[in-house]
Amino acid sequence: MASRTTKKTRPTPLPEDDDAFVRLPTVLHVYPVGKNTWLTGVREGRFPKPVRLSARVSAWRVSDIRALLAARATATNDDAA
């Protein structure tokens, strides 16, 4: 009987190229919320919508994630002032 092993890989940081795409594990690594919170936020319009790369593959633009992180940093700085 063949054993199944799952390989846990660590998500990579955001690529330098703003035109690149990243999958959900990488998004959740740089924007620390849970998967369900993220997907609910996408549905409600709080987070950017993914781009469909194929019938079963979705990814987010790096530029959209960077804009979200910048907006979050601005909001945090405004709250602290």
C-alpha atoms as a PDB file:
ATOM      1  CA  MET A   1       0.000   0.000   0.000  1.00  0.00           C
ATOM      2  CA  ALA A   2       1.421   3.367  -0.980  1.00  0.00           C
ATOM      3  CA  SER A   3       1.589   5.929   1.739  1.00  0.00           C
ATOM      4  CA  ARG A   4       0.469   9.460   1.132  1.00  0.00           C
ATOM      5  CA  THR A   5       2.694  12.196   2.337  1.00  0.00           C
ATOM      6  CA  THR A   6       1.802  15.806   2.284  1.00  0.00           C
ATOM      7  CA  LYS A   7       4.540  18.283   1.751  1.00  0.00           C
ATOM      8  CA  LYS A   8       4.022  21.488   3.678  1.00  0.00           C
ATOM      9  CA  THR A   9       5.784  24.278   1.923  1.00  0.00           C
ATOM     10  CA  ARG A  10       6.233  27.731   3.288  1.00  0.00           C
ATOM     11  CA  PRO A  11       4.558  30.448   1.212  1.00  0.00           C
ATOM     12  CA  THR A  12       6.942  32.710  -0.607  1.00  0.00           C
ATOM     13  CA  PRO A  13       6.989  36.458  -0.010  1.00  0.00           C
ATOM     14  CA  LEU A  14       5.465  38.751  -2.596  1.00  0.00           C
ATOM     15  CA  PRO A  15       7.410  38.845  -5.863  1.00  0.00           C
ATOM     16  CA  GLU A  16       9.063  42.106  -6.882  1.00  0.00           C
ATOM     17  CA  ASP A  17       7.039  42.269 -10.102  1.00  0.00           C
ATOM     18  CA  ASP A  18       3.686  44.052  -9.587  1.00  0.00           C
ATOM     19  CA  ASP A  19       2.272  42.267 -12.658  1.00  0.00           C
ATOM     20  CA  ALA A  20       2.814  38.843 -11.067  1.00  0.00           C
ATOM     21  CA  PHE A  21       0.093  36.709  -9.508  1.00  0.00           C
ATOM     22  CA  VAL A  22       0.087  34.956  -6.121  1.00  0.00           C
ATOM     23  CA  ARG A  23      -2.077  32.156  -4.827  1.00  0.00           C
ATOM     24  CA  LEU A  24      -4.107  32.192  -1.608  1.00  0.00           C
ATOM     25  CA  PRO A  25      -1.462  30.731   0.772  1.00  0.00           C
ATOM     26  CA  THR A  26       0.917  33.560  -0.129  1.00  0.00           C
ATOM     27  CA  VAL A  27      -1.813  36.171   0.274  1.00  0.00           C
ATOM     28  CA  LEU A  28      -2.665  34.823   3.721  1.00  0.00           C
ATOM     29  CA  HIS A  29       1.030  34.815   4.642  1.00  0.00           C
ATOM     30  CA  VAL A  30       1.418  38.554   3.999  1.00  0.00           C
ATOM     31  CA  TYR A  31      -2.091  39.582   5.132  1.00  0.00           C
ATOM     32  CA  PRO A  32      -2.656  37.633   8.353  1.00  0.00           C
ATOM     33  CA  VAL A  33      -6.318  36.678   8.371  1.00  0.00           C
ATOM     34  CA  GLY A  34      -7.938  33.276   8.161  1.00  0.00           C
ATOM     35  CA  LYS A  35      -8.994  31.701   4.889  1.00  0.00           C
ATOM     36  CA  ASN A  36     -12.709  32.060   5.611  1.00  0.00           C
ATOM     37  CA  THR A  37     -12.280  35.692   6.696  1.00  0.00           C
ATOM     38  CA  TRP A  38     -10.375  36.434   3.489  1.00  0.00           C
ATOM     39  CA  LEU A  39     -12.934  34.765   1.222  1.00  0.00           C
ATOM     40  CA  THR A  40     -15.817  36.503   3.014  1.00  0.00           C
ATOM     41  CA  GLY A  41     -13.991  39.822   2.614  1.00  0.00           C
ATOM     42  CA  VAL A  42     -13.578  39.162  -1.112  1.00  0.00           C
ATOM     43  CA  ARG A  43     -17.311  38.460  -1.453  1.00  0.00           C
ATOM     44  CA  GLU A  44     -18.181  41.609   0.529  1.00  0.00           C
ATOM     45  CA  GLY A  45     -15.739  43.787  -1.440  1.00  0.00           C
ATOM     46  CA  ARG A  46     -13.345  44.503   1.454  1.00  0.00           C
ATOM     47  CA  PHE A  47     -10.508  42.604  -0.235  1.00  0.00           C
ATOM     48  CA  PRO A  48      -9.546  42.443  -3.928  1.00  0.00           C
ATOM     49  CA  LYS A  49     -11.165  39.901  -6.201  1.00  0.00           C
ATOM     50  CA  PRO A  50      -9.011  37.132  -7.635  1.00  0.00           C
ATOM     51  CA  VAL A  51      -8.225  36.639 -11.309  1.00  0.00           C
ATOM     52  CA  ARG A  52      -9.251  33.322 -12.829  1.00  0.00           C
ATOM     53  CA  LEU A  53      -6.188  31.776 -14.469  1.00  0.00           C
ATOM     54  CA  SER A  54      -8.038  28.605 -15.438  1.00  0.00           C
ATOM     55  CA  ALA A  55     -11.232  26.781 -14.541  1.00  0.00           C
ATOM     56  CA  ARG A  56      -9.799  25.655 -11.187  1.00  0.00           C
ATOM     57  CA  VAL A  57      -7.050  28.195 -10.483  1.00  0.00           C
ATOM     58  CA  SER A  58      -7.494  31.680  -9.049  1.00  0.00           C
ATOM     59  CA  ALA A  59      -4.781  34.109  -8.027  1.00  0.00           C
ATOM     60  CA  TRP A  60      -4.426  37.709  -6.914  1.00  0.00           C
ATOM     61  CA  ARG A  61      -2.406  40.453  -8.576  1.00  0.00           C
ATOM     62  CA  VAL A  62       0.618  41.455  -6.512  1.00  0.00           C
ATOM     63  CA  SER A  63      -0.239  45.110  -7.161  1.00  0.00           C
ATOM     64  CA  ASP A  64      -3.705  44.616  -5.609  1.00  0.00           C
ATOM     65  CA  ILE A  65      -2.235  42.975  -2.502  1.00  0.00           C
ATOM     66  CA  ARG A  66       0.385  45.719  -2.125  1.00  0.00           C
ATOM     67  CA  ALA A  67      -2.347  48.380  -2.409  1.00  0.00           C
ATOM     68  CA  LEU A  68      -4.353  46.587   0.291  1.00  0.00           C
ATOM     69  CA  LEU A  69      -1.317  46.445   2.581  1.00  0.00           C
ATOM     70  CA  ALA A  70      -0.592  50.143   1.991  1.00  0.00           C
ATOM     71  CA  ALA A  71      -4.206  51.092   2.758  1.00  0.00           C
ATOM     72  CA  ARG A  72      -4.089  49.012   5.945  1.00  0.00           C
ATOM     73  CA  ALA A  73      -0.833  50.693   7.032  1.00  0.00           C
ATOM     74  CA  THR A  74      -2.320  54.137   6.364  1.00  0.00           C
ATOM     75  CA  ALA A  75      -5.457  53.309   8.346  1.00  0.00           C
ATOM     76  CA  THR A  76      -3.357  51.980  11.225  1.00  0.00           C
ATOM     77  CA  ASN A  77      -1.183  55.121  11.240  1.00  0.00           C
ATOM     78  CA  ASP A  78      -4.265  57.367  11.152  1.00  0.00           C
ATOM     79  CA  ASP A  79      -5.776  55.524  14.125  1.00  0.00           C
ATOM     80  CA  ALA A  80      -2.582  55.916  16.139  1.00  0.00           C
ATOM     81  CA  ALA A  81      -2.370  59.693  15.569  1.00  0.00           C
END
